[in-house]
Amino acid sequence: LERLIARSGLTEADAQRRIDSQMPIDEKAKRAHYVIDTSGS
């Protein structure tokens, strides 16, 4: 959410709406062969 707001200038509500329009990231991770965790450095 923070990254999307920072790069797009959207309001928090609009940014969250765009995130919610996609499949939850946890569900995508469960279906993947490999997961890259970009939370760190």
PDB file of all heavy atoms in Angstrom:
ATOM      1  N   LEU A   1       0.829  -1.202   0.000  1.00  0.00           N
ATOM      2  CA  LEU A   1       0.000   0.000   0.000  1.00  0.00           C
ATOM      3  C   LEU A   1       0.868   1.258   0.000  1.00  0.00           C
ATOM      4  O   LEU A   1       0.630   2.195  -0.772  1.00  0.00           O
ATOM      5  CB  LEU A   1      -0.918  -0.013   1.212  1.00  0.00           C
ATOM      6  CG  LEU A   1      -1.891   1.172   1.344  1.00  0.00           C
ATOM      7  CD1 LEU A   1      -2.821   1.233   0.138  1.00  0.00           C
ATOM      8  CD2 LEU A   1      -2.686   1.062   2.649  1.00  0.00           C
ATOM      9  N   GLU A   2       1.889   1.276   0.845  1.00  0.00           N
ATOM     10  CA  GLU A   2       2.778   2.438   0.923  1.00  0.00           C
ATOM     11  C   GLU A   2       3.486   2.682  -0.402  1.00  0.00           C
ATOM     12  O   GLU A   2       3.605   3.823  -0.867  1.00  0.00           O
ATOM     13  CB  GLU A   2       3.812   2.240   2.032  1.00  0.00           C
ATOM     14  CG  GLU A   2       3.238   2.307   3.437  1.00  0.00           C
ATOM     15  CD  GLU A   2       4.254   1.876   4.490  1.00  0.00           C
ATOM     16  OE1 GLU A   2       5.414   1.597   4.107  1.00  0.00           O
ATOM     17  OE2 GLU A   2       3.876   1.822   5.667  1.00  0.00           O
ATOM     18  N   ARG A   3       3.967   1.615  -1.024  1.00  0.00           N
ATOM     19  CA  ARG A   3       4.682   1.748  -2.295  1.00  0.00           C
ATOM     20  C   ARG A   3       3.765   2.271  -3.392  1.00  0.00           C
ATOM     21  O   ARG A   3       4.169   3.115  -4.200  1.00  0.00           O
ATOM     22  CB  ARG A   3       5.272   0.394  -2.705  1.00  0.00           C
ATOM     23  CG  ARG A   3       6.408  -0.085  -1.831  1.00  0.00           C
ATOM     24  CD  ARG A   3       6.800  -1.511  -2.222  1.00  0.00           C
ATOM     25  NE  ARG A   3       7.896  -2.017  -1.392  1.00  0.00           N
ATOM     26  CZ  ARG A   3       8.381  -3.256  -1.478  1.00  0.00           C
ATOM     27  NH1 ARG A   3       7.869  -4.094  -2.373  1.00  0.00           N
ATOM     28  NH2 ARG A   3       9.363  -3.655  -0.697  1.00  0.00           N
ATOM     29  N   LEU A   4       2.545   1.764  -3.434  1.00  0.00           N
ATOM     30  CA  LEU A   4       1.618   2.190  -4.473  1.00  0.00           C
ATOM     31  C   LEU A   4       1.261   3.661  -4.312  1.00  0.00           C
ATOM     32  O   LEU A   4       1.231   4.415  -5.301  1.00  0.00           O
ATOM     33  CB  LEU A   4       0.362   1.325  -4.447  1.00  0.00           C
ATOM     34  CG  LEU A   4      -0.687   1.650  -5.508  1.00  0.00           C
ATOM     35  CD1 LEU A   4      -0.078   1.620  -6.901  1.00  0.00           C
ATOM     36  CD2 LEU A   4      -1.865   0.694  -5.407  1.00  0.00           C
ATOM     37  N   ILE A   5       1.009   4.088  -3.090  1.00  0.00           N
ATOM     38  CA  ILE A   5       0.687   5.497  -2.840  1.00  0.00           C
ATOM     39  C   ILE A   5       1.867   6.382  -3.226  1.00  0.00           C
ATOM     40  O   ILE A   5       1.709   7.427  -3.877  1.00  0.00           O
ATOM     41  CB  ILE A   5       0.308   5.712  -1.362  1.00  0.00           C
ATOM     42  CG1 ILE A   5      -1.025   5.034  -1.052  1.00  0.00           C
ATOM     43  CG2 ILE A   5       0.228   7.209  -1.048  1.00  0.00           C
ATOM     44  CD1 ILE A   5      -1.382   5.015   0.423  1.00  0.00           C
ATOM     45  N   ALA A   6       3.081   5.956  -2.845  1.00  0.00           N
ATOM     46  CA  ALA A   6       4.277   6.753  -3.113  1.00  0.00           C
ATOM     47  C   ALA A   6       4.534   6.930  -4.601  1.00  0.00           C
ATOM     48  O   ALA A   6       4.946   7.998  -5.055  1.00  0.00           O
ATOM     49  CB  ALA A   6       5.491   6.116  -2.437  1.00  0.00           C
ATOM     50  N   ARG A   7       4.295   5.897  -5.378  1.00  0.00           N
ATOM     51  CA  ARG A   7       4.633   5.967  -6.801  1.00  0.00           C
ATOM     52  C   ARG A   7       3.502   6.525  -7.659  1.00  0.00           C
ATOM     53  O   ARG A   7       3.738   6.989  -8.771  1.00  0.00           O
ATOM     54  CB  ARG A   7       5.042   4.592  -7.325  1.00  0.00           C
ATOM     55  CG  ARG A   7       3.913   3.678  -7.723  1.00  0.00           C
ATOM     56  CD  ARG A   7       4.420   2.357  -8.252  1.00  0.00           C
ATOM     57  NE  ARG A   7       3.385   1.598  -8.927  1.00  0.00           N
ATOM     58  CZ  ARG A   7       3.503   0.330  -9.276  1.00  0.00           C
ATOM     59  NH1 ARG A   7       4.620  -0.320  -9.003  1.00  0.00           N
ATOM     60  NH2 ARG A   7       2.530  -0.300  -9.898  1.00  0.00           N
ATOM     61  N   SER A   8       2.270   6.486  -7.145  1.00  0.00           N
ATOM     62  CA  SER A   8       1.124   6.877  -7.975  1.00  0.00           C
ATOM     63  C   SER A   8       0.471   8.185  -7.554  1.00  0.00           C
ATOM     64  O   SER A   8      -0.201   8.830  -8.362  1.00  0.00           O
ATOM     65  CB  SER A   8       0.058   5.776  -7.935  1.00  0.00           C
ATOM     66  OG  SER A   8      -0.497   5.669  -6.631  1.00  0.00           O
ATOM     67  N   GLY A   9       0.646   8.556  -6.271  1.00  0.00           N
ATOM     68  CA  GLY A   9      -0.032   9.741  -5.772  1.00  0.00           C
ATOM     69  C   GLY A   9      -1.501   9.518  -5.482  1.00  0.00           C
ATOM     70  O   GLY A   9      -2.239  10.469  -5.199  1.00  0.00           O
ATOM     71  N   LEU A  10      -1.953   8.264  -5.519  1.00  0.00           N
ATOM     72  CA  LEU A  10      -3.346   7.951  -5.224  1.00  0.00           C
ATOM     73  C   LEU A  10      -3.641   8.169  -3.739  1.00  0.00           C
ATOM     74  O   LEU A  10      -2.739   8.122  -2.900  1.00  0.00           O
ATOM     75  CB  LEU A  10      -3.640   6.492  -5.575  1.00  0.00           C
ATOM     76  CG  LEU A  10      -3.631   6.101  -7.051  1.00  0.00           C
ATOM     77  CD1 LEU A  10      -3.660   4.583  -7.185  1.00  0.00           C
ATOM     78  CD2 LEU A  10      -4.812   6.722  -7.789  1.00  0.00           C
ATOM     79  N   THR A  11      -4.904   8.385  -3.417  1.00  0.00           N
ATOM     80  CA  THR A  11      -5.298   8.402  -2.017  1.00  0.00           C
ATOM     81  C   THR A  11      -5.195   6.982  -1.476  1.00  0.00           C
ATOM     82  O   THR A  11      -5.151   6.001  -2.239  1.00  0.00           O
ATOM     83  CB  THR A  11      -6.746   8.888  -1.854  1.00  0.00           C
ATOM     84  OG1 THR A  11      -7.629   7.933  -2.474  1.00  0.00           O
ATOM     85  CG2 THR A  11      -6.944  10.256  -2.497  1.00  0.00           C
ATOM     86  N   GLU A  12      -5.164   6.851  -0.161  1.00  0.00           N
ATOM     87  CA  GLU A  12      -5.076   5.518   0.432  1.00  0.00           C
ATOM     88  C   GLU A  12      -6.262   4.660   0.016  1.00  0.00           C
ATOM     89  O   GLU A  12      -6.101   3.469  -0.294  1.00  0.00           O
ATOM     90  CB  GLU A  12      -5.009   5.626   1.955  1.00  0.00           C
ATOM     91  CG  GLU A  12      -4.877   4.278   2.637  1.00  0.00           C
ATOM     92  CD  GLU A  12      -4.668   4.385   4.142  1.00  0.00           C
ATOM     93  OE1 GLU A  12      -4.239   5.467   4.608  1.00  0.00           O
ATOM     94  OE2 GLU A  12      -4.932   3.394   4.841  1.00  0.00           O
ATOM     95  N   ALA A  13      -7.458   5.261  -0.034  1.00  0.00           N
ATOM     96  CA  ALA A  13      -8.651   4.499  -0.399  1.00  0.00           C
ATOM     97  C   ALA A  13      -8.572   4.014  -1.841  1.00  0.00           C
ATOM     98  O   ALA A  13      -8.893   2.853  -2.141  1.00  0.00           O
ATOM     99  CB  ALA A  13      -9.898   5.357  -0.195  1.00  0.00           C
ATOM    100  N   ASP A  14      -8.132   4.895  -2.751  1.00  0.00           N
ATOM    101  CA  ASP A  14      -8.041   4.502  -4.158  1.00  0.00           C
ATOM    102  C   ASP A  14      -6.953   3.457  -4.364  1.00  0.00           C
ATOM    103  O   ASP A  14      -7.114   2.519  -5.159  1.00  0.00           O
ATOM    104  CB  ASP A  14      -7.764   5.724  -5.032  1.00  0.00           C
ATOM    105  CG  ASP A  14      -8.999   6.597  -5.223  1.00  0.00           C
ATOM    106  OD1 ASP A  14     -10.116   6.096  -4.989  1.00  0.00           O
ATOM    107  OD2 ASP A  14      -8.843   7.774  -5.597  1.00  0.00           O
ATOM    108  N   ALA A  15      -5.839   3.623  -3.657  1.00  0.00           N
ATOM    109  CA  ALA A  15      -4.754   2.646  -3.770  1.00  0.00           C
ATOM    110  C   ALA A  15      -5.203   1.276  -3.270  1.00  0.00           C
ATOM    111  O   ALA A  15      -4.928   0.249  -3.897  1.00  0.00           O
ATOM    112  CB  ALA A  15      -3.533   3.128  -2.993  1.00  0.00           C
ATOM    113  N   GLN A  16      -5.901   1.257  -2.150  1.00  0.00           N
ATOM    114  CA  GLN A  16      -6.381  -0.017  -1.607  1.00  0.00           C
ATOM    115  C   GLN A  16      -7.399  -0.658  -2.540  1.00  0.00           C
ATOM    116  O   GLN A  16      -7.419  -1.885  -2.703  1.00  0.00           O
ATOM    117  CB  GLN A  16      -7.000   0.197  -0.222  1.00  0.00           C
ATOM    118  CG  GLN A  16      -7.312  -1.097   0.517  1.00  0.00           C
ATOM    119  CD  GLN A  16      -6.061  -1.898   0.806  1.00  0.00           C
ATOM    120  OE1 GLN A  16      -5.135  -1.410   1.461  1.00  0.00           O
ATOM    121  NE2 GLN A  16      -6.014  -3.136   0.347  1.00  0.00           N
ATOM    122  N   ARG A  17      -8.203   0.168  -3.184  1.00  0.00           N
ATOM    123  CA  ARG A  17      -9.195  -0.362  -4.129  1.00  0.00           C
ATOM    124  C   ARG A  17      -8.503  -1.071  -5.282  1.00  0.00           C
ATOM    125  O   ARG A  17      -8.948  -2.133  -5.730  1.00  0.00           O
ATOM    126  CB  ARG A  17     -10.078   0.779  -4.642  1.00  0.00           C
ATOM    127  CG  ARG A  17     -11.253   0.318  -5.485  1.00  0.00           C
ATOM    128  CD  ARG A  17     -12.163   1.469  -5.884  1.00  0.00           C
ATOM    129  NE  ARG A  17     -12.727   2.122  -4.705  1.00  0.00           N
ATOM    130  CZ  ARG A  17     -12.436   3.371  -4.322  1.00  0.00           C
ATOM    131  NH1 ARG A  17     -11.584   4.097  -5.004  1.00  0.00           N
ATOM    132  NH2 ARG A  17     -12.990   3.874  -3.247  1.00  0.00           N
ATOM    133  N   ARG A  18      -7.403  -0.520  -5.757  1.00  0.00           N
ATOM    134  CA  ARG A  18      -6.675  -1.151  -6.866  1.00  0.00           C
ATOM    135  C   ARG A  18      -6.009  -2.449  -6.405  1.00  0.00           C
ATOM    136  O   ARG A  18      -5.987  -3.425  -7.154  1.00  0.00           O
ATOM    137  CB  ARG A  18      -5.639  -0.180  -7.432  1.00  0.00           C
ATOM    138  CG  ARG A  18      -6.277   1.035  -8.064  1.00  0.00           C
ATOM    139  CD  ARG A  18      -5.374   1.788  -8.982  1.00  0.00           C
ATOM    140  NE  ARG A  18      -6.063   2.960  -9.510  1.00  0.00           N
ATOM    141  CZ  ARG A  18      -5.593   3.741 -10.463  1.00  0.00           C
ATOM    142  NH1 ARG A  18      -4.413   3.472 -11.010  1.00  0.00           N
ATOM    143  NH2 ARG A  18      -6.278   4.781 -10.898  1.00  0.00           N
ATOM    144  N   ILE A  19      -5.498  -2.453  -5.200  1.00  0.00           N
ATOM    145  CA  ILE A  19      -4.915  -3.691  -4.667  1.00  0.00           C
ATOM    146  C   ILE A  19      -5.991  -4.764  -4.522  1.00  0.00           C
ATOM    147  O   ILE A  19      -5.782  -5.927  -4.874  1.00  0.00           O
ATOM    148  CB  ILE A  19      -4.232  -3.409  -3.312  1.00  0.00           C
ATOM    149  CG1 ILE A  19      -2.980  -2.547  -3.514  1.00  0.00           C
ATOM    150  CG2 ILE A  19      -3.867  -4.720  -2.607  1.00  0.00           C
ATOM    151  CD1 ILE A  19      -2.347  -2.052  -2.229  1.00  0.00           C
ATOM    152  N   ASP A  20      -7.147  -4.355  -4.016  1.00  0.00           N
ATOM    153  CA  ASP A  20      -8.228  -5.307  -3.779  1.00  0.00           C
ATOM    154  C   ASP A  20      -8.826  -5.850  -5.068  1.00  0.00           C
ATOM    155  O   ASP A  20      -9.517  -6.877  -5.047  1.00  0.00           O
ATOM    156  CB  ASP A  20      -9.328  -4.653  -2.938  1.00  0.00           C
ATOM    157  CG  ASP A  20      -8.893  -4.364  -1.511  1.00  0.00           C
ATOM    158  OD1 ASP A  20      -7.880  -4.947  -1.076  1.00  0.00           O
ATOM    159  OD2 ASP A  20      -9.546  -3.532  -0.849  1.00  0.00           O
ATOM    160  N   SER A  21      -8.581  -5.187  -6.189  1.00  0.00           N
ATOM    161  CA  SER A  21      -9.115  -5.666  -7.465  1.00  0.00           C
ATOM    162  C   SER A  21      -8.355  -6.887  -7.966  1.00  0.00           C
ATOM    163  O   SER A  21      -8.810  -7.555  -8.904  1.00  0.00           O
ATOM    164  CB  SER A  21      -9.060  -4.560  -8.527  1.00  0.00           C
ATOM    165  OG  SER A  21      -7.729  -4.319  -8.958  1.00  0.00           O
ATOM    166  N   GLN A  22      -7.191  -7.173  -7.350  1.00  0.00           N
ATOM    167  CA  GLN A  22      -6.379  -8.317  -7.748  1.00  0.00           C
ATOM    168  C   GLN A  22      -6.494  -9.444  -6.723  1.00  0.00           C
ATOM    169  O   GLN A  22      -6.941  -9.236  -5.596  1.00  0.00           O
ATOM    170  CB  GLN A  22      -4.908  -7.901  -7.884  1.00  0.00           C
ATOM    171  CG  GLN A  22      -4.668  -6.827  -8.927  1.00  0.00           C
ATOM    172  CD  GLN A  22      -3.205  -6.479  -9.063  1.00  0.00           C
ATOM    173  OE1 GLN A  22      -2.368  -6.858  -8.248  1.00  0.00           O
ATOM    174  NE2 GLN A  22      -2.886  -5.746 -10.120  1.00  0.00           N
ATOM    175  N   MET A  23      -6.074 -10.631  -7.144  1.00  0.00           N
ATOM    176  CA  MET A  23      -6.036 -11.763  -6.224  1.00  0.00           C
ATOM    177  C   MET A  23      -5.082 -11.440  -5.071  1.00  0.00           C
ATOM    178  O   MET A  23      -4.016 -10.857  -5.289  1.00  0.00           O
ATOM    179  CB  MET A  23      -5.550 -13.015  -6.975  1.00  0.00           C
ATOM    180  CG  MET A  23      -5.475 -14.273  -6.114  1.00  0.00           C
ATOM    181  SD  MET A  23      -4.793 -15.682  -7.034  1.00  0.00           S
ATOM    182  CE  MET A  23      -6.104 -15.965  -8.219  1.00  0.00           C
ATOM    183  N   PRO A  24      -5.422 -11.795  -3.835  1.00  0.00           N
ATOM    184  CA  PRO A  24      -4.522 -11.529  -2.704  1.00  0.00           C
ATOM    185  C   PRO A  24      -3.142 -12.126  -2.946  1.00  0.00           C
ATOM    186  O   PRO A  24      -3.010 -13.237  -3.466  1.00  0.00           O
ATOM    187  CB  PRO A  24      -5.233 -12.206  -1.521  1.00  0.00           C
ATOM    188  CG  PRO A  24      -6.678 -12.212  -1.905  1.00  0.00           C
ATOM    189  CD  PRO A  24      -6.692 -12.415  -3.394  1.00  0.00           C
ATOM    190  N   ILE A  25      -2.123 -11.374  -2.553  1.00  0.00           N
ATOM    191  CA  ILE A  25      -0.752 -11.806  -2.836  1.00  0.00           C
ATOM    192  C   ILE A  25      -0.420 -13.118  -2.132  1.00  0.00           C
ATOM    193  O   ILE A  25       0.344 -13.944  -2.662  1.00  0.00           O
ATOM    194  CB  ILE A  25       0.247 -10.698  -2.449  1.00  0.00           C
ATOM    195  CG1 ILE A  25       1.623 -10.994  -3.043  1.00  0.00           C
ATOM    196  CG2 ILE A  25       0.299 -10.486  -0.970  1.00  0.00           C
ATOM    197  CD1 ILE A  25       1.651 -11.005  -4.535  1.00  0.00           C
ATOM    198  N   ASP A  26      -0.988 -13.365  -0.961  1.00  0.00           N
ATOM    199  CA  ASP A  26      -0.736 -14.631  -0.264  1.00  0.00           C
ATOM    200  C   ASP A  26      -1.238 -15.819  -1.084  1.00  0.00           C
ATOM    201  O   ASP A  26      -0.597 -16.878  -1.104  1.00  0.00           O
ATOM    202  CB  ASP A  26      -1.416 -14.635   1.111  1.00  0.00           C
ATOM    203  CG  ASP A  26      -0.692 -13.753   2.107  1.00  0.00           C
ATOM    204  OD1 ASP A  26       0.436 -13.308   1.803  1.00  0.00           O
ATOM    205  OD2 ASP A  26      -1.254 -13.513   3.190  1.00  0.00           O
ATOM    206  N   GLU A  27      -2.364 -15.646  -1.747  1.00  0.00           N
ATOM    207  CA  GLU A  27      -2.913 -16.718  -2.576  1.00  0.00           C
ATOM    208  C   GLU A  27      -2.017 -16.956  -3.793  1.00  0.00           C
ATOM    209  O   GLU A  27      -1.780 -18.111  -4.186  1.00  0.00           O
ATOM    210  CB  GLU A  27      -4.334 -16.362  -3.031  1.00  0.00           C
ATOM    211  CG  GLU A  27      -4.995 -17.416  -3.907  1.00  0.00           C
ATOM    212  CD  GLU A  27      -5.138 -18.768  -3.241  1.00  0.00           C
ATOM    213  OE1 GLU A  27      -5.234 -18.815  -1.986  1.00  0.00           O
ATOM    214  OE2 GLU A  27      -5.157 -19.784  -3.963  1.00  0.00           O
ATOM    215  N   LYS A  28      -1.507 -15.881  -4.385  1.00  0.00           N
ATOM    216  CA  LYS A  28      -0.594 -16.046  -5.514  1.00  0.00           C
ATOM    217  C   LYS A  28       0.670 -16.788  -5.080  1.00  0.00           C
ATOM    218  O   LYS A  28       1.169 -17.663  -5.802  1.00  0.00           O
ATOM    219  CB  LYS A  28      -0.231 -14.684  -6.107  1.00  0.00           C
ATOM    220  CG  LYS A  28      -1.393 -13.976  -6.770  1.00  0.00           C
ATOM    221  CD  LYS A  28      -0.954 -12.689  -7.442  1.00  0.00           C
ATOM    222  CE  LYS A  28      -2.131 -12.017  -8.133  1.00  0.00           C
ATOM    223  NZ  LYS A  28      -1.738 -10.821  -8.893  1.00  0.00           N
ATOM    224  N   ALA A  29       1.175 -16.446  -3.903  1.00  0.00           N
ATOM    225  CA  ALA A  29       2.394 -17.094  -3.407  1.00  0.00           C
ATOM    226  C   ALA A  29       2.184 -18.592  -3.225  1.00  0.00           C
ATOM    227  O   ALA A  29       3.075 -19.402  -3.507  1.00  0.00           O
ATOM    228  CB  ALA A  29       2.841 -16.443  -2.106  1.00  0.00           C
ATOM    229  N   LYS A  30       0.999 -18.985  -2.767  1.00  0.00           N
ATOM    230  CA  LYS A  30       0.711 -20.403  -2.570  1.00  0.00           C
ATOM    231  C   LYS A  30       0.728 -21.180  -3.887  1.00  0.00           C
ATOM    232  O   LYS A  30       1.016 -22.373  -3.901  1.00  0.00           O
ATOM    233  CB  LYS A  30      -0.665 -20.569  -1.907  1.00  0.00           C
ATOM    234  CG  LYS A  30      -0.722 -20.101  -0.464  1.00  0.00           C
ATOM    235  CD  LYS A  30      -2.136 -20.230   0.076  1.00  0.00           C
ATOM    236  CE  LYS A  30      -2.239 -19.702   1.495  1.00  0.00           C
ATOM    237  NZ  LYS A  30      -3.633 -19.765   2.003  1.00  0.00           N
ATOM    238  N   ARG A  31       0.413 -20.505  -4.980  1.00  0.00           N
ATOM    239  CA  ARG A  31       0.309 -21.178  -6.278  1.00  0.00           C
ATOM    240  C   ARG A  31       1.627 -21.160  -7.060  1.00  0.00           C
ATOM    241  O   ARG A  31       1.700 -21.729  -8.151  1.00  0.00           O
ATOM    242  CB  ARG A  31      -0.782 -20.503  -7.116  1.00  0.00           C
ATOM    243  CG  ARG A  31      -2.157 -20.540  -6.478  1.00  0.00           C
ATOM    244  CD  ARG A  31      -3.195 -19.982  -7.436  1.00  0.00           C
ATOM    245  NE  ARG A  31      -4.522 -19.944  -6.830  1.00  0.00           N
ATOM    246  CZ  ARG A  31      -5.634 -19.748  -7.525  1.00  0.00           C
ATOM    247  NH1 ARG A  31      -5.588 -19.582  -8.832  1.00  0.00           N
ATOM    248  NH2 ARG A  31      -6.806 -19.708  -6.905  1.00  0.00           N
ATOM    249  N   ALA A  32       2.631 -20.488  -6.540  1.00  0.00           N
ATOM    250  CA  ALA A  32       3.877 -20.288  -7.282  1.00  0.00           C
ATOM    251  C   ALA A  32       4.850 -21.443  -7.090  1.00  0.00           C
ATOM    252  O   ALA A  32       4.794 -22.181  -6.111  1.00  0.00           O
ATOM    253  CB  ALA A  32       4.541 -18.995  -6.824  1.00  0.00           C
ATOM    254  N   HIS A  33       5.764 -21.589  -8.053  1.00  0.00           N
ATOM    255  CA  HIS A  33       6.891 -22.492  -7.894  1.00  0.00           C
ATOM    256  C   HIS A  33       7.963 -21.836  -7.016  1.00  0.00           C
ATOM    257  O   HIS A  33       8.614 -22.510  -6.220  1.00  0.00           O
ATOM    258  CB  HIS A  33       7.503 -22.834  -9.254  1.00  0.00           C
ATOM    259  CG  HIS A  33       6.607 -23.648 -10.139  1.00  0.00           C
ATOM    260  ND1 HIS A  33       5.676 -23.081 -10.978  1.00  0.00           N
ATOM    261  CD2 HIS A  33       6.517 -24.993 -10.315  1.00  0.00           C
ATOM    262  CE1 HIS A  33       5.040 -24.035 -11.638  1.00  0.00           C
ATOM    263  NE2 HIS A  33       5.527 -25.205 -11.258  1.00  0.00           N
ATOM    264  N   TYR A  34       8.138 -20.526  -7.199  1.00  0.00           N
ATOM    265  CA  TYR A  34       9.138 -19.774  -6.436  1.00  0.00           C
ATOM    266  C   TYR A  34       8.531 -18.448  -6.005  1.00  0.00           C
ATOM    267  O   TYR A  34       7.727 -17.858  -6.738  1.00  0.00           O
ATOM    268  CB  TYR A  34      10.384 -19.476  -7.280  1.00  0.00           C
ATOM    269  CG  TYR A  34      11.072 -20.698  -7.841  1.00  0.00           C
ATOM    270  CD1 TYR A  34      10.925 -21.043  -9.185  1.00  0.00           C
ATOM    271  CD2 TYR A  34      11.877 -21.509  -7.039  1.00  0.00           C
ATOM    272  CE1 TYR A  34      11.547 -22.158  -9.714  1.00  0.00           C
ATOM    273  CE2 TYR A  34      12.501 -22.628  -7.561  1.00  0.00           C
ATOM    274  CZ  TYR A  34      12.337 -22.955  -8.897  1.00  0.00           C
ATOM    275  OH  TYR A  34      12.957 -24.067  -9.406  1.00  0.00           O
ATOM    276  N   VAL A  35       8.932 -17.986  -4.817  1.00  0.00           N
ATOM    277  CA  VAL A  35       8.479 -16.696  -4.297  1.00  0.00           C
ATOM    278  C   VAL A  35       9.694 -15.839  -3.975  1.00  0.00           C
ATOM    279  O   VAL A  35      10.634 -16.303  -3.319  1.00  0.00           O
ATOM    280  CB  VAL A  35       7.602 -16.860  -3.036  1.00  0.00           C
ATOM    281  CG1 VAL A  35       7.214 -15.483  -2.480  1.00  0.00           C
ATOM    282  CG2 VAL A  35       6.353 -17.684  -3.348  1.00  0.00           C
ATOM    283  N   ILE A  36       9.676 -14.593  -4.435  1.00  0.00           N
ATOM    284  CA  ILE A  36      10.705 -13.620  -4.094  1.00  0.00           C
ATOM    285  C   ILE A  36      10.101 -12.661  -3.085  1.00  0.00           C
ATOM    286  O   ILE A  36       9.157 -11.927  -3.398  1.00  0.00           O
ATOM    287  CB  ILE A  36      11.188 -12.842  -5.333  1.00  0.00           C
ATOM    288  CG1 ILE A  36      11.740 -13.799  -6.391  1.00  0.00           C
ATOM    289  CG2 ILE A  36      12.251 -11.819  -4.942  1.00  0.00           C
ATOM    290  CD1 ILE A  36      12.022 -13.127  -7.723  1.00  0.00           C
ATOM    291  N   ASP A  37      10.631 -12.660  -1.873  1.00  0.00           N
ATOM    292  CA  ASP A  37      10.158 -11.764  -0.824  1.00  0.00           C
ATOM    293  C   ASP A  37      10.881 -10.428  -0.981  1.00  0.00           C
ATOM    294  O   ASP A  37      12.068 -10.323  -0.706  1.00  0.00           O
ATOM    295  CB  ASP A  37      10.439 -12.371   0.548  1.00  0.00           C
ATOM    296  CG  ASP A  37       9.941 -11.502   1.698  1.00  0.00           C
ATOM    297  OD1 ASP A  37       9.400 -10.403   1.424  1.00  0.00           O
ATOM    298  OD2 ASP A  37      10.103 -11.902   2.860  1.00  0.00           O
ATOM    299  N   THR A  38      10.152  -9.407  -1.435  1.00  0.00           N
ATOM    300  CA  THR A  38      10.756  -8.092  -1.670  1.00  0.00           C
ATOM    301  C   THR A  38      10.580  -7.149  -0.480  1.00  0.00           C
ATOM    302  O   THR A  38      10.753  -5.944  -0.605  1.00  0.00           O
ATOM    303  CB  THR A  38      10.149  -7.438  -2.921  1.00  0.00           C
ATOM    304  OG1 THR A  38       8.758  -7.150  -2.678  1.00  0.00           O
ATOM    305  CG2 THR A  38      10.283  -8.339  -4.139  1.00  0.00           C
ATOM    306  N   SER A  39      10.245  -7.717   0.682  1.00  0.00           N
ATOM    307  CA  SER A  39      10.019  -6.883   1.864  1.00  0.00           C
ATOM    308  C   SER A  39      11.301  -6.296   2.436  1.00  0.00           C
ATOM    309  O   SER A  39      11.267  -5.278   3.138  1.00  0.00           O
ATOM    310  CB  SER A  39       9.328  -7.703   2.965  1.00  0.00           C
ATOM    311  OG  SER A  39       8.097  -8.206   2.538  1.00  0.00           O
ATOM    312  N   GLY A  40      12.428  -6.949   2.153  1.00  0.00           N
ATOM    313  CA  GLY A  40      13.692  -6.517   2.741  1.00  0.00           C
ATOM    314  C   GLY A  40      14.463  -5.557   1.854  1.00  0.00           C
ATOM    315  O   GLY A  40      13.890  -4.800   1.063  1.00  0.00           O
ATOM    316  N   SER A  41      15.783  -5.620   1.964  1.00  0.00           N
ATOM    317  CA  SER A  41      16.650  -4.715   1.216  1.00  0.00           C
ATOM    318  C   SER A  41      16.768  -5.160  -0.243  1.00  0.00           C
ATOM    319  O   SER A  41      16.424  -6.295  -0.597  1.00  0.00           O
ATOM    320  CB  SER A  41      18.040  -4.691   1.845  1.00  0.00           C
ATOM    321  OG  SER A  41      18.671  -5.963   1.707  1.00  0.00           O
TER     322      SER A  41
END
